[in-house]
Amino acid sequence: MAGLRLGPLLRYVDWETASTATVWVESDRPCTAEVRCADGASGSSRTFAVGGHHYALVVVSGLTPGSTTAYEVLLDDSRVWPPEDHRFPASTITTPAIPGETEDAETAGPLRVAFGSCRWAAPPGGGHTPVRADPVGPDALDTLAARLAADPDAARPDVLLLLGDQVYADETSEETRRRLAKRRDLDEPPGAEVADYDEYTCLYDESWGDPEVRWLLSTVPSCMIFDDHDVIDDWNTSAVWQADIRATSWWHERIVSGLMSYWVYQHLGNLSPEELAADPLYAAVNATPDGTQAVRRFAAEADADPTSTRWSYRRIFGRVRLLMVDSRAARALDEQQRAMLHPQEARWLREEALAAPGSYDHLLIGTSLPWLLPPLVHDAEQWSAALCRGERGGPQGRWARIGEYLRQRADLEHWAAFPDSFKLLTELIREVGSGPDAPATVCVLSGDVHHAYIAEPAWPATAPGGGPSARVLQLTCSPVHNSIPKPLKAGFRFGWSRAGRRLGGLLARHGRVDTSPVQWRKTDGPWFGNQLMTLTMHGRKAALSLVQAKSRKTGAQLETVFEHSLTDDGASTFSQSTKR
């Protein structure tokens, strides 16, 4: 009898017809996976195999617009979800109401988008621990799940955006290390880090097997994109970094396995049923008893030639457009043509952002790495990039070596470290946010930096066409469950200060850095802790909230530390902690 190894994960819900969804599962043997909904909607799929593991992405059709229906999962006609001892509410699929069918656009309900990044399933070197004993505090995703399970009337996100570091291939828990030690000698490279595809499956077991998170992901749709720790810290920092790591004996297997597992566990669920049907690799793995070699060839080519695949994708949620951007694998690393996005990827982003003007009220750009950083950090990254390309003494000179050393040691590899890409993204955002068809807001959603903040840019009066009419914001939220050393916390605070700005200005002048096309200020934050942000959009209005997971005598609780309208100048900010 087939068993459910992992899942179900509710991934894609169609917001255009509100009649289809996809559910991802991993079984312990080949079988037929079926999803049956209480309202009669259903779907089934035969599993495909990769690396000795068995998966299915079930397309559920026949859903009713504007409804919430419970579902169950069957493997070879035997129910495996929910389990008999399930202590959580039923897993459900919620579809949006379609204007013109069930209601008009003016009365459609709000869209709630929760987002964050950087989640340790368990602290490195430790297993799952009681919440009071967790050295980095309670997990915000766990705590959100517990709140939603306990209160059926609590506002539930319509979609959860996981903006990178869903798993940590280079920082494993004690439990995972024990599993790795049974397979190989951890004194040999890569040591206690994961080495191959099967070891990656251990990370997903640990992360998505957590009971609260497993239930949450079964009932809240999710969109995902990788960041560095899904593969390795500071992945694709520079051409020097890449050459050094490719010279090691273990890297090829690591990067191929990382991209293979990302395709199976995260990327497939980002796609619509129509995109899945048109995907040649998905067709190939479903047409053979073992798709391992097909996925392996694909992953190896994706690493060797970033233009051979696209991990970025678009999602439409009514009048909200989401563009999730690959800011790791799509890089061009040649020092003289350095870019966050290679030309084809940059063209895709531009075309998707500018397509059908007037058809959306809010544009969300999901990029794991912040566009707008603390000014000192931004200037340090621009300075380092200038040194590395030879602004002081040439590309082989002493200053270039210093720049590369600092870039790798200080993690100077965000958008600011790719100056041309920073300018292109800034100009694209200005262009999107301008003109008669401009959306109400353009929000860049990011994580990575282990604190949360809101930054608002201002364009100079001399900017072509002037500044945008849309409200433009950088919304950064991390971690979901991780830590930040006290010196780094102090460094980020200093990076936002006037003294930090002045120091950054000195670095920029030394590096002969061009004047930035935009200036910005931190409007709120920084906040430190395990946290999630939620954007609520209704028509052309938008509001933002930030919750943090806190350990209390009664257990972990989510406390609201910030709520504010983004589109109503008269709105007030609520800074008090409100237990939810």
Protein backbone atom coordinates (compact mmCIF):
# COMPACT_ATOMS: atom_id res chain seq x y z
CA MET A 1 0.00 0.00 0.00
CA ALA A 2 1.43 3.39 -1.01
CA GLY A 3 2.09 5.91 1.74
CA LEU A 4 2.30 9.70 1.77
CA ARG A 5 5.91 10.70 2.45
CA LEU A 6 5.50 14.48 2.23
CA GLY A 7 2.74 16.93 1.44
CA PRO A 8 0.17 17.71 0.35
CA LEU A 9 1.17 21.23 -0.66
CA LEU A 10 -1.47 23.45 -2.22
CA ARG A 11 0.55 25.37 -4.80
CA TYR A 12 -1.26 27.06 -7.67
CA VAL A 13 -4.81 28.39 -7.52
CA ASP A 14 -6.09 29.89 -10.76
CA TRP A 15 -7.33 33.46 -10.26
CA GLU A 16 -8.56 33.88 -13.83
CA THR A 17 -11.12 31.07 -13.99
CA ALA A 18 -11.10 30.13 -10.26
CA SER A 19 -11.78 26.55 -11.34
CA THR A 20 -8.37 24.84 -11.12
CA ALA A 21 -5.59 24.31 -8.60
CA THR A 22 -2.50 22.12 -8.22
CA VAL A 23 -1.57 19.94 -5.24
CA TRP A 24 1.96 18.51 -4.84
CA VAL A 25 2.66 15.22 -3.03
CA GLU A 26 5.55 12.83 -2.47
CA SER A 27 4.73 9.15 -2.01
CA ASP A 28 6.90 6.27 -0.89
CA ARG A 29 6.39 4.21 -4.07
CA PRO A 30 4.93 4.51 -7.58
CA CYS A 31 1.17 5.01 -7.50
CA THR A 32 -1.73 7.11 -8.73
CA ALA A 33 -2.31 10.22 -6.63
CA GLU A 34 -5.83 11.62 -6.49
CA VAL A 35 -7.33 14.73 -4.89
CA ARG A 36 -11.05 14.66 -4.09
CA CYS A 37 -12.87 17.78 -2.96
CA ALA A 38 -16.06 17.93 -0.93
CA ASP A 39 -17.77 19.96 -3.69
CA GLY A 40 -17.07 17.29 -6.32
CA ALA A 41 -13.95 18.80 -7.89
CA SER A 42 -11.13 16.32 -8.38
CA GLY A 43 -7.96 15.41 -10.21
CA SER A 44 -5.48 12.57 -10.43
CA SER A 45 -1.99 11.92 -11.72
CA ARG A 46 0.45 9.05 -11.92
CA THR A 47 3.64 9.68 -9.93
CA PHE A 48 6.95 10.37 -11.63
CA ALA A 49 10.33 9.29 -10.24
CA VAL A 50 13.49 11.30 -9.60
CA GLY A 51 16.44 10.02 -7.58
CA GLY A 52 14.52 7.05 -6.21
CA HIS A 53 11.70 9.26 -4.91
CA HIS A 54 8.16 9.49 -6.25
CA TYR A 55 6.14 12.66 -6.81
CA ALA A 56 2.92 13.91 -8.32
CA LEU A 57 1.56 17.34 -9.08
CA VAL A 58 -2.19 16.85 -9.28
CA VAL A 59 -4.26 19.30 -11.32
CA VAL A 60 -7.63 19.72 -9.61
CA SER A 61 -10.41 20.90 -11.92
CA GLY A 62 -14.10 21.70 -11.49
CA LEU A 63 -13.67 24.02 -8.50
CA THR A 64 -16.43 26.53 -7.79
CA PRO A 65 -15.46 30.23 -7.97
CA GLY A 66 -15.77 32.11 -4.69
CA SER A 67 -15.81 28.99 -2.53
CA THR A 68 -13.83 27.08 0.09
CA THR A 69 -13.91 23.30 -0.15
CA ALA A 70 -12.22 20.61 1.93
CA TYR A 71 -10.15 17.99 0.13
CA GLU A 72 -8.55 14.64 0.77
CA VAL A 73 -5.64 12.83 -0.91
CA LEU A 74 -5.80 9.23 -2.03
CA LEU A 75 -2.95 7.03 -3.25
CA ASP A 76 -4.12 4.05 -5.32
CA ASP A 77 -7.68 4.69 -4.02
CA SER A 78 -6.64 4.59 -0.33
CA ARG A 79 -7.03 7.79 1.69
CA VAL A 80 -3.73 9.03 3.12
CA TRP A 81 -4.65 12.64 3.89
CA PRO A 82 -5.87 13.74 6.30
CA PRO A 83 -4.45 10.96 8.52
CA GLU A 84 -6.71 9.31 11.06
CA ASP A 85 -5.04 11.06 14.01
CA HIS A 86 -5.06 14.50 12.36
CA ARG A 87 -5.36 17.29 14.96
CA PHE A 88 -5.74 20.15 12.49
CA PRO A 89 -8.77 21.45 10.60
CA ALA A 90 -9.51 20.03 7.18
CA SER A 91 -7.18 21.08 4.38
CA THR A 92 -9.11 23.32 2.00
CA ILE A 93 -8.86 24.98 -1.40
CA THR A 94 -10.23 28.52 -1.55
CA THR A 95 -11.00 30.05 -4.93
CA PRO A 96 -11.57 33.75 -5.62
CA ALA A 97 -14.84 35.20 -6.74
CA ILE A 98 -14.79 36.15 -10.41
CA PRO A 99 -16.09 39.67 -11.17
CA GLY A 100 -19.02 39.49 -13.56
CA GLU A 101 -20.02 36.02 -12.39
CA THR A 102 -20.38 36.04 -8.61
CA GLU A 103 -19.74 39.76 -7.95
CA ASP A 104 -18.43 42.90 -9.59
CA ALA A 105 -14.89 44.22 -9.35
CA GLU A 106 -15.84 46.99 -6.92
CA THR A 107 -17.19 44.58 -4.33
CA ALA A 108 -14.56 41.83 -4.73
CA GLY A 109 -12.84 40.98 -1.46
CA PRO A 110 -9.29 41.97 -0.55
CA LEU A 111 -6.20 40.02 -1.57
CA ARG A 112 -3.86 39.14 1.31
CA VAL A 113 -0.25 38.31 0.38
CA ALA A 114 2.00 37.15 3.24
CA PHE A 115 5.73 36.97 2.62
CA GLY A 116 9.09 36.35 4.23
CA SER A 117 12.33 34.44 3.79
CA CYS A 118 15.12 32.62 5.59
CA ARG A 119 13.66 29.74 7.59
CA TRP A 120 15.68 27.22 9.54
CA ALA A 121 13.50 24.16 10.07
CA ALA A 122 15.74 23.63 13.10
CA PRO A 123 18.80 25.59 14.26
CA PRO A 124 22.11 24.30 12.81
CA GLY A 125 23.60 21.65 15.06
CA GLY A 126 20.31 21.14 16.89
CA GLY A 127 17.12 19.18 16.36
CA HIS A 128 13.54 20.34 16.80
CA THR A 129 13.28 21.88 20.26
CA PRO A 130 10.42 23.13 22.45
CA VAL A 131 9.52 26.72 21.67
CA ARG A 132 10.81 28.04 25.01
CA ALA A 133 14.17 26.33 24.37
CA ASP A 134 14.59 27.41 20.75
CA PRO A 135 17.76 29.56 20.73
CA VAL A 136 16.46 31.76 17.90
CA GLY A 137 12.89 32.06 19.17
CA PRO A 138 9.63 30.66 17.84
CA ASP A 139 9.16 30.01 14.13
CA ALA A 140 6.87 32.63 12.53
CA LEU A 141 5.49 30.10 10.03
CA ASP A 142 4.76 27.57 12.79
CA THR A 143 3.11 30.27 14.87
CA LEU A 144 0.98 31.48 11.96
CA ALA A 145 -0.18 27.91 11.36
CA ALA A 146 -1.10 27.45 15.02
CA ARG A 147 -3.10 30.69 15.03
CA LEU A 148 -5.03 29.82 11.86
CA ALA A 149 -5.72 26.28 13.08
CA ALA A 150 -7.01 27.53 16.44
CA ASP A 151 -9.16 30.35 15.07
CA PRO A 152 -11.26 29.57 11.98
CA ASP A 153 -12.28 33.24 11.77
CA ALA A 154 -8.71 34.56 11.64
CA ALA A 155 -7.79 36.37 8.42
CA ARG A 156 -6.00 33.82 6.26
CA PRO A 157 -3.45 34.77 3.58
CA ASP A 158 -4.66 34.17 0.03
CA VAL A 159 -1.09 33.30 -0.93
CA LEU A 160 2.22 32.83 0.85
CA LEU A 161 5.38 34.07 -0.89
CA LEU A 162 8.54 32.29 0.28
CA LEU A 163 11.37 34.50 -0.93
CA GLY A 164 14.36 32.22 -0.53
CA ASP A 165 16.30 30.03 1.86
CA GLN A 166 13.42 27.59 2.18
CA VAL A 167 16.12 25.04 3.04
CA TYR A 168 19.72 25.47 4.19
CA ALA A 169 22.04 23.17 2.28
CA ASP A 170 25.09 24.59 4.05
CA GLU A 171 23.77 24.82 7.63
CA THR A 172 22.28 21.50 8.69
CA SER A 173 20.66 20.50 11.97
CA GLU A 174 21.92 17.82 14.30
CA GLU A 175 19.14 15.48 13.12
CA THR A 176 20.11 15.95 9.46
CA ARG A 177 23.79 15.50 10.27
CA ARG A 178 23.03 12.15 11.86
CA ARG A 179 21.27 11.08 8.67
CA LEU A 180 24.20 12.26 6.56
CA ALA A 181 26.72 10.48 8.81
CA LYS A 182 24.99 7.17 8.11
CA ARG A 183 25.69 7.64 4.40
CA ARG A 184 29.26 9.01 4.30
CA ASP A 185 32.28 10.33 6.21
CA LEU A 186 31.51 13.89 7.35
CA ASP A 187 35.24 14.60 7.66
CA GLU A 188 35.40 14.61 3.87
CA PRO A 189 34.10 17.55 1.80
CA PRO A 190 31.47 18.92 1.87
CA GLY A 191 31.35 17.78 5.49
CA ALA A 192 28.06 18.36 7.30
CA GLU A 193 26.58 20.16 4.29
CA VAL A 194 24.39 18.25 1.85
CA ALA A 195 26.20 16.56 -1.02
CA ASP A 196 23.63 15.06 -3.39
CA TYR A 197 19.97 14.79 -4.34
CA ASP A 198 19.03 12.24 -1.71
CA GLU A 199 20.51 14.42 1.02
CA TYR A 200 18.49 17.38 -0.28
CA THR A 201 15.36 15.32 0.28
CA CYS A 202 16.32 15.16 3.96
CA LEU A 203 16.16 18.96 4.13
CA TYR A 204 12.66 19.05 2.65
CA ASP A 205 11.56 16.23 4.97
CA GLU A 206 12.69 18.28 7.94
CA SER A 207 11.25 21.58 6.71
CA TRP A 208 7.90 20.51 5.29
CA GLY A 209 7.36 17.53 7.60
CA ASP A 210 6.90 19.84 10.59
CA PRO A 211 3.22 19.20 11.51
CA GLU A 212 2.13 22.85 11.72
CA VAL A 213 3.93 23.87 8.54
CA ARG A 214 2.69 20.77 6.73
CA TRP A 215 -0.91 21.70 7.47
CA LEU A 216 -0.36 25.38 6.62
CA LEU A 217 1.14 24.56 3.22
CA SER A 218 -1.71 22.16 2.53
CA THR A 219 -4.30 24.92 2.81
CA VAL A 220 -2.58 28.22 1.86
CA PRO A 221 -1.29 28.44 -1.73
CA SER A 222 2.41 29.21 -2.02
CA CYS A 223 4.83 30.80 -4.50
CA MET A 224 8.55 30.18 -4.05
CA ILE A 225 11.91 31.34 -5.35
CA PHE A 226 15.38 30.28 -4.21
CA ASP A 227 18.12 32.32 -2.59
CA ASP A 228 21.72 31.43 -1.81
CA HIS A 229 21.35 29.01 1.11
CA ASP A 230 19.05 26.78 -0.95
CA VAL A 231 22.39 25.96 -2.61
CA ILE A 232 25.23 27.63 -0.66
CA ASP A 233 25.96 30.91 1.10
CA ASP A 234 26.64 33.77 -1.36
CA TRP A 235 25.87 31.60 -4.37
CA ASN A 236 27.17 33.27 -7.56
CA THR A 237 28.75 36.25 -5.81
CA SER A 238 31.28 36.82 -8.58
CA ALA A 239 33.29 35.21 -11.39
CA VAL A 240 36.20 34.66 -8.97
CA TRP A 241 33.91 33.00 -6.45
CA GLN A 242 32.44 30.77 -9.15
CA ALA A 243 35.84 29.73 -10.53
CA ASP A 244 37.12 28.86 -7.05
CA ILE A 245 34.15 26.72 -6.10
CA ARG A 246 33.98 24.96 -9.46
CA ALA A 247 37.55 23.82 -8.82
CA THR A 248 36.47 21.77 -5.79
CA SER A 249 35.73 18.06 -6.01
CA TRP A 250 32.22 18.24 -4.56
CA TRP A 251 30.64 21.35 -6.12
CA HIS A 252 29.32 19.90 -9.39
CA GLU A 253 27.24 17.30 -7.57
CA ARG A 254 26.00 19.90 -5.11
CA ILE A 255 24.82 22.47 -7.66
CA VAL A 256 23.25 19.86 -9.94
CA SER A 257 21.45 18.24 -7.01
CA GLY A 258 20.37 21.64 -5.67
CA LEU A 259 18.79 22.66 -8.96
CA MET A 260 17.25 19.20 -9.44
CA SER A 261 15.60 19.30 -6.03
CA TYR A 262 14.49 22.91 -6.50
CA TRP A 263 12.80 21.97 -9.79
CA VAL A 264 10.98 19.05 -8.15
CA TYR A 265 10.10 20.49 -4.75
CA GLN A 266 9.62 24.20 -5.45
CA HIS A 267 9.63 25.26 -9.11
CA LEU A 268 7.00 22.89 -10.53
CA GLY A 269 4.37 24.17 -8.12
CA ASN A 270 4.98 27.75 -9.28
CA LEU A 271 3.63 26.87 -12.72
CA SER A 272 0.06 26.98 -13.98
CA PRO A 273 -1.54 23.83 -15.44
CA GLU A 274 -1.08 25.35 -18.91
CA GLU A 275 2.62 25.98 -18.28
CA LEU A 276 3.03 22.45 -16.97
CA ALA A 277 1.39 21.03 -20.07
CA ALA A 278 3.84 22.97 -22.26
CA ASP A 279 6.95 22.11 -20.24
CA PRO A 280 9.09 19.57 -22.18
CA LEU A 281 11.01 18.40 -19.11
CA TYR A 282 7.80 17.78 -17.16
CA ALA A 283 6.49 15.78 -20.12
CA ALA A 284 9.73 13.81 -20.31
CA VAL A 285 9.80 12.77 -16.65
CA ASN A 286 6.16 11.72 -16.84
CA ALA A 287 6.84 9.61 -19.93
CA THR A 288 9.54 7.42 -18.38
CA PRO A 289 9.70 5.13 -15.32
CA ASP A 290 12.73 7.09 -14.02
CA GLY A 291 13.19 10.77 -14.85
CA THR A 292 16.45 11.17 -12.91
CA GLN A 293 18.77 11.51 -15.88
CA ALA A 294 16.48 13.92 -17.71
CA VAL A 295 16.28 16.23 -14.68
CA ARG A 296 20.00 15.85 -14.06
CA ARG A 297 20.88 16.90 -17.62
CA PHE A 298 18.53 19.85 -17.32
CA ALA A 299 20.09 21.00 -14.02
CA ALA A 300 23.65 20.66 -15.30
CA GLU A 301 22.82 22.72 -18.37
CA ALA A 302 21.00 25.33 -16.27
CA ASP A 303 24.17 25.82 -14.20
CA ALA A 304 26.51 25.86 -17.21
CA ASP A 305 24.28 28.18 -19.25
CA PRO A 306 21.87 30.36 -17.25
CA THR A 307 20.10 31.38 -20.46
CA SER A 308 18.96 27.78 -21.05
CA THR A 309 16.13 27.99 -18.53
CA ARG A 310 14.01 30.53 -16.68
CA TRP A 311 13.23 30.19 -12.99
CA SER A 312 11.43 33.57 -12.86
CA TYR A 313 7.66 33.54 -13.37
CA ARG A 314 4.51 35.64 -13.40
CA ARG A 315 1.33 35.21 -11.38
CA ILE A 316 -1.93 37.13 -11.74
CA PHE A 317 -4.25 37.65 -8.76
CA GLY A 318 -7.14 39.61 -10.20
CA ARG A 319 -5.90 43.20 -10.45
CA VAL A 320 -2.55 42.36 -8.82
CA ARG A 321 0.44 41.25 -10.89
CA LEU A 322 3.31 39.35 -9.25
CA LEU A 323 6.68 38.94 -10.94
CA MET A 324 8.97 36.56 -9.07
CA VAL A 325 12.54 37.20 -10.17
CA ASP A 326 15.50 34.83 -10.09
CA SER A 327 18.28 36.98 -8.65
CA ARG A 328 20.75 34.09 -8.15
CA ALA A 329 21.04 31.71 -11.10
CA ALA A 330 20.31 34.30 -13.80
CA ARG A 331 23.41 36.40 -13.09
CA ALA A 332 26.08 37.36 -15.62
CA LEU A 333 29.38 37.33 -13.71
CA ASP A 334 31.96 38.60 -16.20
CA GLU A 335 33.42 41.58 -14.32
CA GLN A 336 33.15 43.96 -17.28
CA GLN A 337 29.57 42.90 -18.16
CA ARG A 338 28.36 42.09 -14.68
CA ALA A 339 24.57 41.89 -14.29
CA MET A 340 22.07 40.61 -11.75
CA LEU A 341 19.99 39.39 -14.70
CA HIS A 342 21.50 38.30 -17.99
CA PRO A 343 20.09 40.19 -21.00
CA GLN A 344 17.33 37.68 -21.85
CA GLU A 345 16.15 37.62 -18.24
CA ALA A 346 16.22 41.40 -17.97
CA ARG A 347 14.19 41.61 -21.19
CA TRP A 348 11.62 39.17 -19.77
CA LEU A 349 11.22 41.26 -16.61
CA ARG A 350 10.79 44.45 -18.59
CA GLU A 351 8.24 42.95 -20.96
CA GLU A 352 6.18 41.40 -18.17
CA ALA A 353 6.18 44.60 -16.11
CA LEU A 354 5.11 46.78 -19.01
CA ALA A 355 2.64 44.39 -20.66
CA ALA A 356 -1.04 45.43 -20.78
CA PRO A 357 -0.75 48.78 -18.97
CA GLY A 358 -3.84 49.63 -16.98
CA SER A 359 -4.72 45.97 -16.43
CA TYR A 360 -3.44 45.88 -12.84
CA ASP A 361 -3.70 48.11 -9.78
CA HIS A 362 -0.64 46.80 -7.95
CA LEU A 363 2.68 45.43 -9.21
CA LEU A 364 4.64 43.18 -6.87
CA ILE A 365 8.25 42.36 -7.78
CA GLY A 366 9.49 39.46 -5.69
CA THR A 367 13.30 39.32 -5.52
CA SER A 368 15.07 37.54 -2.70
CA LEU A 369 17.64 40.35 -2.52
CA PRO A 370 16.55 43.90 -1.65
CA TRP A 371 16.67 46.56 -4.33
CA LEU A 372 17.06 49.35 -1.74
CA LEU A 373 19.46 48.65 1.15
CA PRO A 374 20.70 50.70 4.10
CA PRO A 375 22.59 53.53 2.32
CA LEU A 376 25.99 52.60 3.77
CA VAL A 377 25.59 49.01 2.59
CA HIS A 378 24.45 50.19 -0.85
CA ASP A 379 27.45 52.49 -1.22
CA ALA A 380 29.86 49.81 0.03
CA GLU A 381 28.54 47.39 -2.59
CA GLN A 382 28.84 49.99 -5.37
CA TRP A 383 32.35 50.85 -4.17
CA SER A 384 33.42 47.21 -4.11
CA ALA A 385 32.01 46.66 -7.60
CA ALA A 386 33.90 49.70 -8.89
CA LEU A 387 37.17 48.47 -7.40
CA CYS A 388 36.69 44.99 -8.86
CA ARG A 389 36.14 46.31 -12.37
CA GLY A 390 39.33 48.38 -12.10
CA GLU A 391 38.29 51.95 -11.26
CA ARG A 392 41.33 52.20 -8.98
CA GLY A 393 44.46 50.71 -10.54
CA GLY A 394 42.89 48.44 -13.14
CA PRO A 395 41.11 45.04 -12.90
CA GLN A 396 44.32 43.23 -11.90
CA GLY A 397 45.51 45.80 -9.39
CA ARG A 398 45.71 45.78 -5.60
CA TRP A 399 42.43 47.68 -5.16
CA ALA A 400 40.62 45.13 -7.35
CA ARG A 401 41.88 42.33 -5.11
CA ILE A 402 40.78 44.26 -2.03
CA GLY A 403 37.35 44.79 -3.59
CA GLU A 404 36.93 41.08 -4.32
CA TYR A 405 38.07 40.12 -0.82
CA LEU A 406 35.56 42.48 0.78
CA ARG A 407 32.79 41.44 -1.60
CA GLN A 408 33.11 37.81 -0.55
CA ARG A 409 33.80 38.38 3.15
CA ALA A 410 31.05 41.00 3.69
CA ASP A 411 28.38 39.51 1.39
CA LEU A 412 28.42 42.55 -0.90
CA GLU A 413 26.33 40.99 -3.67
CA HIS A 414 22.86 42.52 -3.71
CA TRP A 415 21.37 44.65 -6.51
CA ALA A 416 23.72 47.52 -5.58
CA ALA A 417 26.71 45.27 -6.33
CA PHE A 418 25.48 45.09 -9.94
CA PRO A 419 25.37 48.83 -10.72
CA ASP A 420 24.01 48.59 -14.27
CA SER A 421 21.25 46.21 -13.14
CA PHE A 422 20.37 48.52 -10.27
CA LYS A 423 19.96 51.40 -12.71
CA LEU A 424 17.87 49.32 -15.12
CA LEU A 425 15.54 48.10 -12.36
CA THR A 426 15.21 51.62 -10.98
CA GLU A 427 14.31 53.01 -14.39
CA LEU A 428 11.86 50.17 -15.06
CA ILE A 429 10.08 50.85 -11.77
CA ARG A 430 9.90 54.57 -12.59
CA GLU A 431 8.51 53.80 -16.04
CA VAL A 432 5.92 51.32 -14.76
CA GLY A 433 4.79 53.74 -12.06
CA SER A 434 4.34 56.70 -14.41
CA GLY A 435 1.66 57.79 -16.83
CA PRO A 436 -2.13 57.62 -16.97
CA ASP A 437 -2.24 53.81 -16.68
CA ALA A 438 0.13 53.61 -13.70
CA PRO A 439 -0.79 51.21 -10.90
CA ALA A 440 -1.52 52.53 -7.42
CA THR A 441 1.56 50.83 -5.97
CA VAL A 442 4.79 49.19 -7.09
CA CYS A 443 6.25 47.13 -4.25
CA VAL A 444 9.56 45.28 -4.29
CA LEU A 445 9.30 42.34 -1.88
CA SER A 446 12.56 40.96 -0.52
CA GLY A 447 14.23 39.09 2.34
CA ASP A 448 17.81 37.83 2.89
CA VAL A 449 19.15 40.51 5.26
CA HIS A 450 17.65 39.14 8.51
CA HIS A 451 15.74 42.25 9.43
CA ALA A 452 12.63 44.00 8.19
CA TYR A 453 12.18 47.56 7.00
CA ILE A 454 10.26 49.81 4.63
CA ALA A 455 12.15 52.13 2.30
CA GLU A 456 10.65 54.72 -0.04
CA PRO A 457 12.53 56.15 -3.02
CA ALA A 458 12.38 59.66 -4.45
CA TRP A 459 13.42 60.53 -7.98
CA PRO A 460 15.10 63.87 -8.73
CA ALA A 461 13.10 66.50 -10.56
CA THR A 462 15.50 66.10 -13.47
CA ALA A 463 14.58 62.43 -13.96
CA PRO A 464 13.19 61.75 -17.49
CA GLY A 465 9.45 62.22 -17.26
CA GLY A 466 9.73 63.05 -13.57
CA GLY A 467 9.10 60.64 -10.70
CA PRO A 468 6.36 58.01 -10.76
CA SER A 469 2.81 58.73 -9.66
CA ALA A 470 2.49 55.25 -8.15
CA ARG A 471 3.56 54.71 -4.53
CA VAL A 472 6.87 52.84 -4.79
CA LEU A 473 8.19 50.92 -1.78
CA GLN A 474 10.90 48.45 -0.87
CA LEU A 475 9.35 45.98 1.60
CA THR A 476 11.94 43.72 3.18
CA CYS A 477 11.04 40.95 5.63
CA SER A 478 13.30 38.28 7.07
CA PRO A 479 13.89 35.99 8.78
CA VAL A 480 10.96 33.65 9.25
CA HIS A 481 13.04 31.57 11.66
CA ASN A 482 16.72 32.41 12.00
CA SER A 483 19.05 34.71 13.90
CA ILE A 484 21.28 37.74 13.40
CA PRO A 485 24.51 38.37 15.35
CA LYS A 486 24.50 41.47 17.54
CA PRO A 487 27.39 43.14 15.67
CA LEU A 488 25.53 42.73 12.37
CA LYS A 489 22.36 44.12 13.93
CA ALA A 490 24.31 47.17 15.09
CA GLY A 491 25.86 47.46 11.64
CA PHE A 492 22.48 47.58 9.92
CA ARG A 493 21.25 50.26 12.32
CA PHE A 494 24.39 52.29 11.64
CA GLY A 495 23.91 51.76 7.91
CA TRP A 496 20.63 53.70 8.07
CA SER A 497 22.08 56.54 10.18
CA ARG A 498 23.31 59.94 9.00
CA ALA A 499 26.86 58.98 9.94
CA GLY A 500 26.47 55.81 7.90
CA ARG A 501 25.29 57.83 4.90
CA ARG A 502 28.32 60.10 5.17
CA LEU A 503 30.71 57.14 5.37
CA GLY A 504 28.99 55.58 2.38
CA GLY A 505 29.43 58.81 0.46
CA LEU A 506 33.18 58.73 1.11
CA LEU A 507 33.39 55.16 -0.21
CA ALA A 508 31.40 56.09 -3.31
CA ARG A 509 33.70 59.02 -4.06
CA HIS A 510 36.79 56.85 -3.61
CA GLY A 511 35.35 54.32 -6.06
CA ARG A 512 34.35 57.03 -8.55
CA VAL A 513 30.81 55.68 -8.38
CA ASP A 514 28.18 57.35 -10.56
CA THR A 515 25.49 59.39 -8.84
CA SER A 516 22.52 57.19 -7.98
CA PRO A 517 19.44 57.72 -10.17
CA VAL A 518 17.28 57.65 -7.05
CA GLN A 519 17.51 58.52 -3.36
CA TRP A 520 15.56 56.79 -0.60
CA ARG A 521 14.76 56.93 3.07
CA LYS A 522 13.74 54.34 5.61
CA THR A 523 10.16 55.15 6.56
CA ASP A 524 9.77 52.39 9.16
CA GLY A 525 11.93 49.81 10.91
CA PRO A 526 14.34 48.24 11.26
CA TRP A 527 12.67 45.32 13.03
CA PHE A 528 14.58 42.28 14.25
CA GLY A 529 13.01 38.91 15.05
CA ASN A 530 11.18 36.02 13.41
CA GLN A 531 8.55 37.76 11.32
CA LEU A 532 6.18 37.92 8.38
CA MET A 533 4.76 40.83 6.42
CA THR A 534 1.29 40.85 4.87
CA LEU A 535 0.15 43.12 2.06
CA THR A 536 -3.61 43.57 1.85
CA MET A 537 -4.85 45.03 -1.45
CA HIS A 538 -8.44 46.00 -2.21
CA GLY A 539 -9.13 47.88 -5.40
CA ARG A 540 -6.46 50.57 -5.62
CA LYS A 541 -5.92 50.65 -1.87
CA ALA A 542 -3.18 48.76 -0.06
CA ALA A 543 -2.15 48.26 3.56
CA LEU A 544 0.82 46.56 5.21
CA SER A 545 1.20 44.73 8.49
CA LEU A 546 4.17 43.08 10.20
CA VAL A 547 3.82 40.33 12.79
CA GLN A 548 6.54 38.78 14.93
CA ALA A 549 6.54 35.40 16.68
CA LYS A 550 7.06 35.86 20.41
CA SER A 551 7.52 33.29 23.14
CA ARG A 552 5.05 33.83 25.99
CA LYS A 553 4.03 31.83 29.05
CA THR A 554 1.04 30.47 27.15
CA GLY A 555 3.21 29.53 24.16
CA ALA A 556 4.26 31.20 20.94
CA GLN A 557 2.09 34.05 19.74
CA LEU A 558 2.03 36.35 16.75
CA GLU A 559 2.15 39.99 17.79
CA THR A 560 1.41 42.82 15.39
CA VAL A 561 4.14 45.44 15.59
CA PHE A 562 3.19 47.51 12.55
CA GLU A 563 0.02 48.30 10.58
CA HIS A 564 -0.33 51.11 8.08
CA SER A 565 -2.16 52.07 4.93
CA LEU A 566 0.15 52.47 1.95
CA THR A 567 -2.28 54.47 -0.18
CA ASP A 568 -4.11 56.74 2.29
CA ASP A 569 -1.98 59.67 3.46
CA GLY A 570 -4.29 60.25 6.38
CA ALA A 571 -3.86 56.79 7.85
CA SER A 572 -2.15 56.40 11.18
CA THR A 573 0.59 53.98 12.14
CA PHE A 574 -0.09 51.47 14.88
CA SER A 575 3.11 50.56 16.69
CA GLN A 576 1.66 48.89 19.74
CA SER A 577 2.02 45.14 20.15
CA THR A 578 -1.32 43.47 19.59
CA LYS A 579 -1.58 39.77 20.35
CA ARG A 580 -3.27 37.77 17.65
